[in-house]
Amino acid sequence: MTDWEKQLGRRATAVDRAKQALDEGIAAARLDGHSFREIGRWAGVNHERARTIATRINGDSRTAAERQEQTA
């Protein structure tokens, strides 16, 4: 007999990890200089959602180059 509690728990954990990896990829792509519309299209999310994710993870919505320009 299948232990549904364990099986579904493992699957839920895998989904959470995949979502976290997607969010981290979105944030990294922004730092690398890609537009939110581009990132959103690639990740299958709205560009505003991509902006929110990048800001949450990176602490800022700017690219790495834009950050360097500001400090220069």
C-alpha atoms as a PDB file:
ATOM      1  CA  MET A   1       0.000   0.000   0.000  1.00  0.00           C
ATOM      2  CA  THR A   2       1.193   3.526  -0.840  1.00  0.00           C
ATOM      3  CA  ASP A   3       2.067   5.863   2.011  1.00  0.00           C
ATOM      4  CA  TRP A   4       0.329   8.905   0.549  1.00  0.00           C
ATOM      5  CA  GLU A   5       1.348  11.219   3.356  1.00  0.00           C
ATOM      6  CA  LYS A   6       5.061  10.636   2.742  1.00  0.00           C
ATOM      7  CA  GLN A   7       4.759  10.556  -1.040  1.00  0.00           C
ATOM      8  CA  LEU A   8       2.789  13.785  -1.249  1.00  0.00           C
ATOM      9  CA  GLY A   9       5.017  15.427   1.337  1.00  0.00           C
ATOM     10  CA  ARG A  10       8.084  14.615  -0.787  1.00  0.00           C
ATOM     11  CA  ARG A  11       6.392  15.983  -3.883  1.00  0.00           C
ATOM     12  CA  ALA A  12       5.382  19.193  -2.113  1.00  0.00           C
ATOM     13  CA  THR A  13       8.969  19.635  -0.937  1.00  0.00           C
ATOM     14  CA  ALA A  14      10.227  19.106  -4.501  1.00  0.00           C
ATOM     15  CA  VAL A  15       7.780  21.728  -5.811  1.00  0.00           C
ATOM     16  CA  ASP A  16       8.910  24.215  -3.148  1.00  0.00           C
ATOM     17  CA  ARG A  17      12.549  23.639  -4.088  1.00  0.00           C
ATOM     18  CA  ALA A  18      11.773  24.079  -7.782  1.00  0.00           C
ATOM     19  CA  LYS A  19       9.921  27.347  -7.093  1.00  0.00           C
ATOM     20  CA  GLN A  20      12.853  28.619  -5.031  1.00  0.00           C
ATOM     21  CA  ALA A  21      15.290  27.682  -7.808  1.00  0.00           C
ATOM     22  CA  LEU A  22      13.096  29.484 -10.355  1.00  0.00           C
ATOM     23  CA  ASP A  23      12.988  32.608  -8.182  1.00  0.00           C
ATOM     24  CA  GLU A  24      16.773  32.529  -7.750  1.00  0.00           C
ATOM     25  CA  GLY A  25      17.201  32.158 -11.503  1.00  0.00           C
ATOM     26  CA  ILE A  26      14.916  35.130 -12.116  1.00  0.00           C
ATOM     27  CA  ALA A  27      16.955  37.245  -9.712  1.00  0.00           C
ATOM     28  CA  ALA A  28      20.243  36.128 -11.274  1.00  0.00           C
ATOM     29  CA  ALA A  29      19.012  36.874 -14.796  1.00  0.00           C
ATOM     30  CA  ARG A  30      18.106  40.401 -13.721  1.00  0.00           C
ATOM     31  CA  LEU A  31      21.519  40.973 -12.174  1.00  0.00           C
ATOM     32  CA  ASP A  32      22.995  39.756 -15.462  1.00  0.00           C
ATOM     33  CA  GLY A  33      21.196  42.568 -17.285  1.00  0.00           C
ATOM     34  CA  HIS A  34      18.065  41.057 -18.769  1.00  0.00           C
ATOM     35  CA  SER A  35      14.769  42.947 -18.891  1.00  0.00           C
ATOM     36  CA  PHE A  36      11.835  41.974 -16.707  1.00  0.00           C
ATOM     37  CA  ARG A  37       9.699  41.315 -19.779  1.00  0.00           C
ATOM     38  CA  GLU A  38      12.321  38.952 -21.159  1.00  0.00           C
ATOM     39  CA  ILE A  39      12.757  37.184 -17.835  1.00  0.00           C
ATOM     40  CA  GLY A  40       9.023  36.939 -17.303  1.00  0.00           C
ATOM     41  CA  ARG A  41       8.536  35.397 -20.736  1.00  0.00           C
ATOM     42  CA  TRP A  42      11.307  32.849 -20.131  1.00  0.00           C
ATOM     43  CA  ALA A  43      10.083  31.958 -16.640  1.00  0.00           C
ATOM     44  CA  GLY A  44       6.396  31.901 -17.514  1.00  0.00           C
ATOM     45  CA  VAL A  45       5.489  34.722 -15.118  1.00  0.00           C
ATOM     46  CA  ASN A  46       4.222  38.272 -15.497  1.00  0.00           C
ATOM     47  CA  HIS A  47       7.025  40.843 -15.812  1.00  0.00           C
ATOM     48  CA  GLU A  48       5.818  42.582 -12.647  1.00  0.00           C
ATOM     49  CA  ARG A  49       6.050  39.273 -10.773  1.00  0.00           C
ATOM     50  CA  ALA A  50       9.617  38.927 -12.091  1.00  0.00           C
ATOM     51  CA  ARG A  51      10.369  42.435 -10.787  1.00  0.00           C
ATOM     52  CA  THR A  52       8.928  41.590  -7.362  1.00  0.00           C
ATOM     53  CA  ILE A  53      10.962  38.385  -7.134  1.00  0.00           C
ATOM     54  CA  ALA A  54      14.203  40.080  -8.207  1.00  0.00           C
ATOM     55  CA  THR A  55      13.690  42.898  -5.718  1.00  0.00           C
ATOM     56  CA  ARG A  56      12.952  40.483  -2.883  1.00  0.00           C
ATOM     57  CA  ILE A  57      16.021  38.356  -3.554  1.00  0.00           C
ATOM     58  CA  ASN A  58      18.484  41.007  -4.767  1.00  0.00           C
ATOM     59  CA  GLY A  59      17.268  43.781  -2.501  1.00  0.00           C
ATOM     60  CA  ASP A  60      16.990  45.976  -5.584  1.00  0.00           C
ATOM     61  CA  SER A  61      15.466  45.834  -9.055  1.00  0.00           C
ATOM     62  CA  ARG A  62      18.542  47.148 -10.860  1.00  0.00           C
ATOM     63  CA  THR A  63      21.026  45.099 -12.848  1.00  0.00           C
ATOM     64  CA  ALA A  64      24.579  44.618 -11.586  1.00  0.00           C
ATOM     65  CA  ALA A  65      25.831  47.114 -14.194  1.00  0.00           C
ATOM     66  CA  GLU A  66      23.267  49.713 -13.108  1.00  0.00           C
ATOM     67  CA  ARG A  67      24.361  49.276  -9.507  1.00  0.00           C
ATOM     68  CA  GLN A  68      28.006  49.779 -10.443  1.00  0.00           C
ATOM     69  CA  GLU A  69      27.185  52.919 -12.430  1.00  0.00           C
ATOM     70  CA  GLN A  70      25.488  54.429  -9.400  1.00  0.00           C
ATOM     71  CA  THR A  71      28.473  53.786  -7.118  1.00  0.00           C
ATOM     72  CA  ALA A  72      31.049  54.988  -9.661  1.00  0.00           C
END
